[in-house]
Amino acid sequence: MTGSFQVFVGGILYVLFGLAILTLIFIAAVDSRIFIIPDESNALIAIIGVVASVFVYISGSFDVFSGSFVGHYASLFGFHSFIVWNRLFAVFIAFISFGFIFFTTRGRGMGFGDVKLSVVLGFLLGWPDLVLALMIAFITGSLWSILMMVCRKKKFSSRVPFGPFIVLGALLIMFFGVEIMNGYFALFP
């Protein structure tokens, strides 16, 4: 690929991910206020993820270092040689894990909007970034809920919107994925 084409693709990807970030912030705001994740926002994230993946595929730059927000740490998890399998595997893992929680708790442990958001983030983030983002979401969501119960602002039976924590996990991985992984592995010298 020529240098100008790479610059063009890079510019397109910056615009797409900027739009995705704005959409994720919107999702977090709406879910925190009214406990709903709009389907239109989920659809937009899915479209952005697919289009971004197509541009990465066309540019031929998908590999373990450029195809993941966690850089070379992605090589520890596999599925980094072909972007289509990478994204589909992330979507599958999100649907199975969040779908399991939704169906076993009959929607009381997690709303179906959270399931849909995790699935569409699979198209945007791919494997293993999505799983790491969801792990951060569970950790921060749990810590926030415990803090709210300790401060007596929430009860154990209170509803807590999970969408903002999924968004937080996704944004942290997008902006600080390598640093988070460096910090994690620094704990184990």
Foldseek 3Di string as FASTA:
>chain_A
DDPVLVVVLVVLLVVLVVVLLVLLVVQLVVCQVPVDRDPVSLVSLLVSLQVNLVSCVVVVPQAQAPQALQGVVLVVPDPRPHSVSQLVVQLVVLLVVVVVVCVVVVCQRHHVNSSSNLNSVSSRHGPPLSVQLVVQLVVVVVVVVVVCVVVPVDDPSDDGRSSNSSSVSNVCSNVPVNVVVVVVVVVPD
